[in-house]
Amino acid sequence: MRQDDVYLHKIDWISIILYFLLVIIGWFNIYAAVYDEQIAKSIFDFSINSGKQLVWIGTAILLIILIMVADYRLFENLSFPLYGLFILILLLTPFLGKEINGQRAWFEIGAFRLQPAEFAKFATALALAKLMESPTYDLSQFRYQIRALAVIGLPVLLIMLQPDTGTAMVYSAFFIMLYREGMPQRYYIFAIITALLSILALVIENNLYLAGGIGAIILTLMLMGKKSWQRTIGLAFLGAVMVVYIYSLDYVVEKLPPHQQNRIMVLFDPDIDPLGVGWNVTQSKIAIGSGGIFGKGYLEGTQTKFDFVPEQHTDFIFCTLGEEFGWMGSLVMIALFVLLLLRLIFIAERQKTRFSRVYGYCVISLLLFHFTVNIAMTIGLFPVVGIPLPFFSYGGSSLWSFTILLFIFIKLDSHRIEVLSRL
């Protein structure tokens, strides 16, 4: 490491300021989520979650320093070795990890727990960036698509063995980056159609009506436009596939564990599991709605004080913000996230190498996915899947992984001029 390797004047301080604002606001909300006025412990008390989170914040700062003083070429050179290391760790996790709530997804070190799947995100992002760094890597060609999907799919497969469906789902965020880098639109159109069909099949009780609707649409398309036997056969095959899919969806859903079925169905009927997942979502919406425009005031949240919302300091941390700071407080937090994402897009587009740009869009994709799904989950627009809110939710693995993910990109960006001089 060289002393002159730290380019303080080239570091994007706007992103760093936004990062620390989110972390600090999140820390205060973690304290609010566990606050008990009968005991009234200090926010710095290490026996409660806010004190423990302060330790994670302090160690995250040390990680930031290490990243910023390291040679920026180190991250590119270690991309595949880091990916291989975390694949090995994920392979061992189901056998050596500690079982919590039916999942073997954590390693316990003293009083702390680390979740390897969280750290595998940045390793996968680096591996994708390294794989796609060549200007000749063309995602419009099938062989290149398969390679990228294999890099994404391997950790997903291993995480599902734990099993941790929520974390595995996060890896689909990389498709946002792939779209930016040239993945054909037809895959995304197919995904949107599949999602809409899934929702309709779950909402409409009698699949016969939905199948009839699909048949009518396909028949209309056959009668419109240029007629040819290839087009007719293609549309008929598409219609048949869609009908088979909607009828098979019920079978697939029925094979899921009961708690996963309820997480899906509670979106359409909150009363289907009133004391389980339905309770979480209902109480979450009550907490957020009760905050009104300006909230009840810091440490004054009644839903928080009486523990109505489970996991309020982790996956449902947004409830605390909504209840105590209201619509205005939520708007400020969302604005900070949006500003950070927009800033990162600006930074990604000014990169001089494809490696840095691809990695930057991986960072953006993961943050956007977590941010969108977590908030949608707390207001009942998405199934409860256990996805933390970046920089906000309690947990060392989450904070460390997002910190490493973000600051590697900030480090790469600080050397973009030097990279240009080497090209």
Protein backbone atom coordinates (compact mmCIF):
# COMPACT_ATOMS: atom_id res chain seq x y z
CA MET A 1 0.00 0.00 0.00
CA ARG A 2 1.28 3.48 -0.85
CA GLN A 3 0.51 6.65 1.06
CA ASP A 4 -0.16 8.53 -2.17
CA ASP A 5 -2.64 5.86 -3.19
CA VAL A 6 -5.38 7.69 -1.30
CA TYR A 7 -6.77 10.42 -3.55
CA LEU A 8 -8.80 12.41 -1.04
CA HIS A 9 -9.62 15.17 -3.50
CA LYS A 10 -10.96 12.65 -6.04
CA ILE A 11 -13.21 10.75 -3.66
CA ASP A 12 -16.94 11.26 -4.16
CA TRP A 13 -17.77 12.89 -0.85
CA ILE A 14 -21.45 13.32 -1.75
CA SER A 15 -21.95 9.54 -1.70
CA ILE A 16 -20.03 9.24 1.55
CA ILE A 17 -22.11 11.97 3.23
CA LEU A 18 -25.34 10.31 2.10
CA TYR A 19 -24.05 6.95 3.39
CA PHE A 20 -23.30 8.32 6.86
CA LEU A 21 -26.61 10.19 7.04
CA LEU A 22 -28.48 6.94 6.37
CA VAL A 23 -26.37 4.98 8.84
CA ILE A 24 -26.82 7.55 11.62
CA ILE A 25 -30.58 7.90 11.06
CA GLY A 26 -30.82 4.12 11.00
CA TRP A 27 -28.90 3.87 14.28
CA PHE A 28 -31.29 6.27 16.04
CA ASN A 29 -34.25 4.30 14.71
CA ILE A 30 -32.78 1.02 15.96
CA TYR A 31 -32.63 2.60 19.42
CA ALA A 32 -36.24 3.74 19.08
CA ALA A 33 -37.30 0.25 18.03
CA VAL A 34 -35.94 -1.31 21.25
CA TYR A 35 -36.55 1.64 23.59
CA ASP A 36 -38.29 0.84 26.88
CA GLU A 37 -39.23 3.90 28.95
CA GLN A 38 -39.44 1.74 32.09
CA ILE A 39 -35.73 0.94 31.81
CA ALA A 40 -34.57 3.84 29.62
CA LYS A 41 -31.12 2.51 28.78
CA SER A 42 -28.66 4.76 26.97
CA ILE A 43 -28.34 4.54 23.22
CA PHE A 44 -24.67 3.67 23.85
CA ASP A 45 -25.52 0.70 26.13
CA PHE A 46 -23.85 -2.36 24.59
CA SER A 47 -26.43 -4.69 26.13
CA ILE A 48 -29.11 -3.48 23.71
CA ASN A 49 -29.23 -3.48 19.92
CA SER A 50 -28.34 0.19 19.45
CA GLY A 51 -25.12 -0.30 21.41
CA LYS A 52 -24.25 -3.42 19.44
CA GLN A 53 -25.01 -1.60 16.19
CA LEU A 54 -22.60 1.14 17.25
CA VAL A 55 -19.89 -1.51 17.39
CA TRP A 56 -20.79 -2.60 13.87
CA ILE A 57 -20.71 1.03 12.71
CA GLY A 58 -17.26 1.50 14.25
CA THR A 59 -15.90 -1.62 12.59
CA ALA A 60 -17.55 -0.58 9.31
CA ILE A 61 -15.53 2.65 9.47
CA LEU A 62 -12.37 0.56 9.86
CA LEU A 63 -13.38 -1.42 6.78
CA ILE A 64 -13.87 1.85 4.89
CA ILE A 65 -10.36 2.98 5.82
CA LEU A 66 -8.87 -0.35 4.72
CA ILE A 67 -10.68 -0.19 1.38
CA MET A 68 -9.66 3.42 0.73
CA VAL A 69 -5.96 2.86 1.46
CA ALA A 70 -5.75 -0.38 -0.54
CA ASP A 71 -4.51 -0.45 -4.11
CA TYR A 72 -7.60 -0.16 -6.32
CA ARG A 73 -6.23 -2.84 -8.66
CA LEU A 74 -6.45 -5.33 -5.79
CA PHE A 75 -10.23 -5.61 -6.14
CA GLU A 76 -10.02 -6.44 -9.83
CA ASN A 77 -7.20 -8.94 -9.36
CA LEU A 78 -8.97 -10.73 -6.49
CA SER A 79 -12.42 -10.81 -8.13
CA PHE A 80 -12.48 -14.50 -9.03
CA PRO A 81 -10.49 -15.71 -5.98
CA LEU A 82 -12.94 -13.88 -3.65
CA TYR A 83 -15.88 -15.34 -5.55
CA GLY A 84 -14.41 -18.84 -5.25
CA LEU A 85 -13.76 -18.33 -1.52
CA PHE A 86 -17.36 -17.33 -0.81
CA ILE A 87 -18.72 -20.15 -2.94
CA LEU A 88 -16.72 -22.53 -0.73
CA ILE A 89 -18.04 -20.83 2.43
CA LEU A 90 -21.62 -21.02 1.15
CA LEU A 91 -21.06 -24.70 0.40
CA LEU A 92 -20.01 -25.31 4.02
CA THR A 93 -22.68 -23.13 5.65
CA PRO A 94 -25.54 -25.69 5.62
CA PHE A 95 -23.25 -28.15 7.43
CA LEU A 96 -21.28 -25.90 9.82
CA GLY A 97 -23.63 -22.94 10.26
CA LYS A 98 -25.84 -22.31 13.27
CA GLU A 99 -29.50 -23.17 12.80
CA ILE A 100 -31.88 -20.27 13.49
CA ASN A 101 -35.59 -20.42 12.64
CA GLY A 102 -35.06 -23.52 10.52
CA GLN A 103 -32.20 -22.02 8.50
CA ARG A 104 -28.49 -22.75 8.65
CA ALA A 105 -27.37 -19.40 7.27
CA TRP A 106 -25.13 -17.96 10.01
CA PHE A 107 -21.76 -18.54 11.57
CA GLU A 108 -21.67 -17.68 15.26
CA ILE A 109 -18.52 -15.99 16.57
CA GLY A 110 -18.87 -15.33 20.28
CA ALA A 111 -21.86 -13.04 20.79
CA PHE A 112 -21.98 -12.07 17.11
CA ARG A 113 -23.36 -13.77 14.03
CA LEU A 114 -22.19 -13.39 10.45
CA GLN A 115 -24.22 -14.36 7.39
CA PRO A 116 -21.94 -15.44 4.50
CA ALA A 117 -24.70 -14.95 1.91
CA GLU A 118 -24.65 -11.20 2.60
CA PHE A 119 -20.92 -10.95 1.84
CA ALA A 120 -21.24 -13.16 -1.22
CA LYS A 121 -23.15 -10.31 -2.89
CA PHE A 122 -20.12 -8.08 -3.34
CA ALA A 123 -17.98 -11.08 -4.36
CA THR A 124 -20.55 -11.96 -7.04
CA ALA A 125 -20.62 -8.33 -8.19
CA LEU A 126 -16.82 -8.30 -8.56
CA ALA A 127 -16.86 -11.63 -10.41
CA LEU A 128 -19.51 -10.37 -12.84
CA ALA A 129 -17.52 -7.19 -13.45
CA LYS A 130 -14.36 -9.20 -14.12
CA LEU A 131 -16.21 -11.64 -16.38
CA MET A 132 -17.73 -8.83 -18.44
CA GLU A 133 -14.83 -6.38 -18.46
CA SER A 134 -13.86 -7.09 -22.08
CA PRO A 135 -15.50 -4.80 -24.69
CA THR A 136 -16.13 -7.93 -26.77
CA TYR A 137 -18.33 -9.51 -24.08
CA ASP A 138 -21.69 -9.38 -25.89
CA LEU A 139 -24.80 -10.17 -23.86
CA SER A 140 -26.89 -10.39 -27.01
CA GLN A 141 -25.20 -13.74 -27.67
CA PHE A 142 -26.44 -16.81 -25.83
CA ARG A 143 -23.03 -18.17 -24.80
CA TYR A 144 -22.20 -14.94 -22.98
CA GLN A 145 -25.61 -14.88 -21.31
CA ILE A 146 -25.07 -18.39 -19.95
CA ARG A 147 -21.71 -17.44 -18.41
CA ALA A 148 -23.18 -14.46 -16.58
CA LEU A 149 -26.19 -16.46 -15.41
CA ALA A 150 -23.89 -19.22 -14.12
CA VAL A 151 -21.96 -16.72 -11.97
CA ILE A 152 -25.25 -15.48 -10.52
CA GLY A 153 -26.94 -18.86 -10.27
CA LEU A 154 -24.26 -20.76 -8.34
CA PRO A 155 -24.51 -18.73 -5.09
CA VAL A 156 -28.30 -18.71 -5.44
CA LEU A 157 -28.35 -22.51 -5.56
CA LEU A 158 -26.13 -22.78 -2.49
CA ILE A 159 -28.16 -20.21 -0.53
CA MET A 160 -31.35 -22.13 -1.30
CA LEU A 161 -29.77 -25.16 0.40
CA GLN A 162 -29.67 -23.26 3.72
CA PRO A 163 -32.62 -22.56 2.90
CA ASP A 164 -32.88 -18.76 2.65
CA THR A 165 -35.35 -17.83 -0.09
CA GLY A 166 -35.32 -14.10 0.70
CA THR A 167 -31.56 -13.66 0.34
CA ALA A 168 -31.48 -15.89 -2.76
CA MET A 169 -34.15 -13.68 -4.32
CA VAL A 170 -31.88 -10.64 -3.93
CA TYR A 171 -29.51 -12.02 -6.57
CA SER A 172 -32.19 -11.42 -9.21
CA ALA A 173 -31.24 -7.73 -8.81
CA PHE A 174 -28.22 -8.38 -11.03
CA PHE A 175 -30.62 -8.55 -13.99
CA ILE A 176 -30.92 -4.76 -13.72
CA MET A 177 -27.20 -4.50 -14.42
CA LEU A 178 -27.44 -7.06 -17.21
CA TYR A 179 -30.16 -4.98 -18.87
CA ARG A 180 -27.87 -1.93 -18.81
CA GLU A 181 -25.10 -3.99 -20.39
CA GLY A 182 -27.20 -5.29 -23.29
CA MET A 183 -29.26 -8.30 -22.18
CA PRO A 184 -32.10 -8.65 -24.75
CA GLN A 185 -35.40 -7.05 -23.78
CA ARG A 186 -37.41 -10.17 -24.61
CA TYR A 187 -36.31 -11.82 -21.36
CA TYR A 188 -37.64 -8.92 -19.32
CA ILE A 189 -40.91 -8.80 -21.25
CA PHE A 190 -41.30 -12.54 -20.62
CA ALA A 191 -40.59 -12.02 -16.90
CA ILE A 192 -43.18 -9.23 -16.65
CA ILE A 193 -45.81 -11.32 -18.43
CA THR A 194 -45.05 -14.28 -16.14
CA ALA A 195 -45.37 -12.09 -13.05
CA LEU A 196 -48.71 -10.68 -14.23
CA LEU A 197 -49.99 -14.16 -15.01
CA SER A 198 -48.91 -15.35 -11.57
CA ILE A 199 -50.76 -12.52 -9.85
CA LEU A 200 -53.92 -13.05 -11.93
CA ALA A 201 -53.82 -16.81 -11.33
CA LEU A 202 -53.63 -16.23 -7.57
CA VAL A 203 -56.30 -13.52 -7.52
CA ILE A 204 -58.86 -15.20 -9.83
CA GLU A 205 -60.33 -18.20 -8.06
CA ASN A 206 -61.50 -20.01 -11.19
CA ASN A 207 -58.59 -20.50 -13.60
CA LEU A 208 -61.09 -21.31 -16.35
CA TYR A 209 -61.94 -17.62 -16.65
CA LEU A 210 -58.28 -16.67 -16.93
CA ALA A 211 -57.61 -19.41 -19.48
CA GLY A 212 -60.57 -18.20 -21.50
CA GLY A 213 -59.25 -14.63 -21.39
CA ILE A 214 -55.85 -15.78 -22.63
CA GLY A 215 -57.51 -17.75 -25.42
CA ALA A 216 -59.49 -14.68 -26.50
CA ILE A 217 -56.36 -12.51 -26.58
CA ILE A 218 -54.38 -15.10 -28.56
CA LEU A 219 -57.26 -15.52 -31.03
CA THR A 220 -57.44 -11.75 -31.52
CA LEU A 221 -53.70 -11.60 -32.19
CA MET A 222 -54.05 -14.40 -34.73
CA LEU A 223 -56.68 -12.45 -36.62
CA MET A 224 -54.68 -9.23 -36.56
CA GLY A 225 -51.55 -8.38 -38.48
CA LYS A 226 -49.79 -10.38 -41.14
CA LYS A 227 -51.06 -13.95 -41.32
CA SER A 228 -48.68 -16.87 -41.77
CA TRP A 229 -48.62 -20.46 -40.56
CA GLN A 230 -45.42 -19.82 -38.55
CA ARG A 231 -47.04 -16.92 -36.72
CA THR A 232 -50.24 -18.89 -36.10
CA ILE A 233 -48.35 -21.87 -34.69
CA GLY A 234 -46.16 -19.61 -32.57
CA LEU A 235 -49.13 -17.78 -31.03
CA ALA A 236 -50.99 -21.04 -30.44
CA PHE A 237 -47.93 -22.52 -28.70
CA LEU A 238 -47.56 -19.37 -26.56
CA GLY A 239 -51.20 -19.55 -25.55
CA ALA A 240 -50.89 -23.23 -24.64
CA VAL A 241 -47.79 -22.55 -22.51
CA MET A 242 -49.57 -19.72 -20.68
CA VAL A 243 -52.61 -21.87 -19.93
CA VAL A 244 -50.45 -24.77 -18.69
CA TYR A 245 -48.51 -22.33 -16.51
CA ILE A 246 -51.55 -20.88 -14.74
CA TYR A 247 -52.91 -24.35 -14.00
CA SER A 248 -49.54 -25.61 -12.76
CA LEU A 249 -49.05 -22.57 -10.50
CA ASP A 250 -51.65 -23.80 -8.02
CA TYR A 251 -49.83 -27.12 -7.78
CA VAL A 252 -46.47 -25.39 -7.18
CA VAL A 253 -47.90 -23.08 -4.50
CA GLU A 254 -49.54 -26.02 -2.72
CA LYS A 255 -46.13 -27.75 -2.51
CA LEU A 256 -44.57 -24.78 -0.72
CA PRO A 257 -44.24 -24.86 3.09
CA PRO A 258 -47.36 -23.39 4.77
CA HIS A 259 -45.56 -20.25 6.00
CA GLN A 260 -44.36 -19.46 2.47
CA GLN A 261 -47.86 -20.01 1.07
CA ASN A 262 -49.23 -17.58 3.64
CA ARG A 263 -46.61 -14.96 2.78
CA ILE A 264 -47.85 -14.98 -0.80
CA MET A 265 -51.59 -15.24 -0.17
CA VAL A 266 -51.63 -12.61 2.59
CA LEU A 267 -50.99 -9.99 -0.10
CA PHE A 268 -54.47 -10.65 -1.45
CA ASP A 269 -56.19 -11.50 1.83
CA PRO A 270 -54.60 -10.16 5.06
CA ASP A 271 -57.03 -12.26 7.12
CA ILE A 272 -55.69 -15.56 5.77
CA ASP A 273 -53.04 -15.71 8.52
CA PRO A 274 -54.14 -13.06 11.05
CA LEU A 275 -51.79 -14.17 13.84
CA GLY A 276 -48.78 -14.98 11.62
CA VAL A 277 -47.61 -13.16 8.51
CA GLY A 278 -50.94 -11.33 8.33
CA TRP A 279 -50.29 -9.97 11.82
CA ASN A 280 -46.86 -8.63 10.85
CA VAL A 281 -48.12 -6.81 7.77
CA THR A 282 -51.29 -5.49 9.42
CA GLN A 283 -49.44 -4.13 12.45
CA SER A 284 -46.76 -2.69 10.19
CA LYS A 285 -49.34 -0.74 8.19
CA ILE A 286 -51.04 0.41 11.39
CA ALA A 287 -47.72 1.68 12.75
CA ILE A 288 -46.86 3.58 9.58
CA GLY A 289 -50.38 4.95 9.12
CA SER A 290 -50.69 6.07 12.74
CA GLY A 291 -47.71 8.38 12.27
CA GLY A 292 -49.75 10.73 10.12
CA ILE A 293 -47.96 13.64 8.47
CA PHE A 294 -45.38 14.54 11.12
CA GLY A 295 -45.33 11.44 13.35
CA LYS A 296 -45.83 10.91 17.07
CA GLY A 297 -42.36 12.10 18.00
CA TYR A 298 -39.04 10.36 18.64
CA LEU A 299 -39.36 7.51 21.17
CA GLU A 300 -43.14 8.07 21.33
CA GLY A 301 -44.25 5.26 19.04
CA THR A 302 -46.92 3.15 20.76
CA GLN A 303 -46.71 0.28 18.28
CA THR A 304 -42.97 0.17 18.96
CA LYS A 305 -43.21 0.37 22.73
CA PHE A 306 -45.63 -2.51 23.00
CA ASP A 307 -43.84 -4.75 20.47
CA PHE A 308 -46.81 -5.08 18.12
CA VAL A 309 -44.56 -5.43 15.07
CA PRO A 310 -42.14 -8.41 15.20
CA GLU A 311 -38.57 -7.86 13.96
CA GLN A 312 -39.11 -4.09 14.05
CA HIS A 313 -35.40 -3.36 14.51
CA THR A 314 -34.41 -5.45 11.46
CA ASP A 315 -36.72 -6.18 8.52
CA PHE A 316 -39.51 -3.85 9.69
CA ILE A 317 -37.34 -0.90 10.77
CA PHE A 318 -39.23 1.36 8.34
CA CYS A 319 -42.29 1.05 10.63
CA THR A 320 -40.44 2.86 13.42
CA LEU A 321 -39.55 5.72 11.12
CA GLY A 322 -43.09 5.97 9.75
CA GLU A 323 -44.73 5.94 13.18
CA GLU A 324 -42.42 8.37 14.95
CA PHE A 325 -41.58 10.76 12.10
CA GLY A 326 -44.64 10.30 9.92
CA TRP A 327 -44.99 10.92 6.21
CA MET A 328 -42.44 13.75 6.26
CA GLY A 329 -39.79 11.65 7.99
CA SER A 330 -40.39 8.76 5.59
CA LEU A 331 -40.16 11.15 2.66
CA VAL A 332 -36.78 12.47 3.87
CA MET A 333 -35.39 8.95 4.27
CA ILE A 334 -36.66 7.86 0.85
CA ALA A 335 -35.25 11.06 -0.68
CA LEU A 336 -31.81 10.28 0.78
CA PHE A 337 -31.90 6.80 -0.73
CA VAL A 338 -33.02 8.11 -4.10
CA LEU A 339 -30.30 10.78 -4.06
CA LEU A 340 -27.70 8.11 -3.29
CA LEU A 341 -28.94 5.89 -6.11
CA LEU A 342 -29.01 8.79 -8.59
CA ARG A 343 -25.50 9.79 -7.53
CA LEU A 344 -24.25 6.24 -8.04
CA ILE A 345 -25.82 6.12 -11.50
CA PHE A 346 -24.00 9.35 -12.36
CA ILE A 347 -20.73 7.89 -11.06
CA ALA A 348 -21.23 4.59 -12.93
CA GLU A 349 -21.78 6.39 -16.22
CA ARG A 350 -18.53 8.36 -15.91
CA GLN A 351 -16.34 5.28 -15.44
CA LYS A 352 -13.54 4.75 -17.95
CA THR A 353 -13.52 0.95 -17.82
CA ARG A 354 -16.29 -1.58 -18.25
CA PHE A 355 -15.15 -3.37 -15.09
CA SER A 356 -15.90 -0.32 -12.94
CA ARG A 357 -19.15 0.46 -14.73
CA VAL A 358 -20.47 -3.08 -14.44
CA TYR A 359 -19.50 -3.24 -10.77
CA GLY A 360 -21.14 0.15 -10.19
CA TYR A 361 -24.41 -1.02 -11.68
CA CYS A 362 -24.24 -4.17 -9.56
CA VAL A 363 -24.06 -1.91 -6.48
CA ILE A 364 -26.97 0.18 -7.74
CA SER A 365 -29.04 -2.91 -8.54
CA LEU A 366 -28.57 -4.51 -5.12
CA LEU A 367 -29.30 -1.30 -3.20
CA LEU A 368 -32.38 -0.56 -5.33
CA PHE A 369 -33.73 -4.09 -4.90
CA HIS A 370 -33.28 -4.09 -1.11
CA PHE A 371 -34.69 -0.60 -0.74
CA THR A 372 -37.76 -1.23 -2.92
CA VAL A 373 -38.64 -4.70 -1.66
CA ASN A 374 -38.12 -3.89 2.03
CA ILE A 375 -40.42 -0.87 1.96
CA ALA A 376 -42.96 -2.66 -0.25
CA MET A 377 -42.89 -5.55 2.22
CA THR A 378 -43.63 -3.32 5.23
CA ILE A 379 -46.65 -1.70 3.55
CA GLY A 380 -48.10 -4.98 2.27
CA LEU A 381 -47.21 -4.72 -1.42
CA PHE A 382 -44.71 -7.60 -1.41
CA PRO A 383 -44.46 -10.90 0.48
CA VAL A 384 -42.51 -10.86 3.75
CA VAL A 385 -39.16 -12.31 2.69
CA GLY A 386 -36.73 -11.09 5.36
CA ILE A 387 -34.76 -8.52 3.35
CA PRO A 388 -33.03 -5.76 5.40
CA LEU A 389 -33.19 -2.05 4.58
CA PRO A 390 -29.63 -1.02 3.53
CA PHE A 391 -27.67 0.95 6.16
CA PHE A 392 -30.83 1.12 8.30
CA SER A 393 -31.69 -2.34 9.62
CA TYR A 394 -29.93 -3.77 12.65
CA GLY A 395 -27.23 -6.32 11.88
CA GLY A 396 -23.50 -6.48 11.36
CA SER A 397 -23.56 -8.71 8.28
CA SER A 398 -25.94 -6.38 6.48
CA LEU A 399 -24.08 -3.18 7.38
CA TRP A 400 -20.64 -4.62 6.63
CA SER A 401 -21.67 -6.13 3.29
CA PHE A 402 -23.36 -2.96 2.04
CA THR A 403 -20.45 -0.84 3.27
CA ILE A 404 -17.89 -3.01 1.46
CA LEU A 405 -20.08 -3.10 -1.65
CA LEU A 406 -20.43 0.70 -1.79
CA PHE A 407 -16.92 1.75 -0.84
CA ILE A 408 -15.18 -0.55 -3.29
CA PHE A 409 -17.07 1.35 -5.99
CA ILE A 410 -16.16 4.72 -4.46
CA LYS A 411 -12.53 3.58 -4.38
CA LEU A 412 -12.62 2.50 -8.04
CA ASP A 413 -14.21 5.82 -9.01
CA SER A 414 -11.49 7.82 -7.23
CA HIS A 415 -8.92 6.30 -9.63
CA ARG A 416 -10.84 6.68 -12.89
CA ILE A 417 -8.40 9.31 -14.19
CA GLU A 418 -5.41 7.10 -13.47
CA VAL A 419 -7.14 4.19 -15.18
CA LEU A 420 -7.70 6.37 -18.25
CA SER A 421 -3.98 7.22 -18.40
CA ARG A 422 -3.12 3.49 -18.43
CA LEU A 423 -5.45 2.67 -21.34
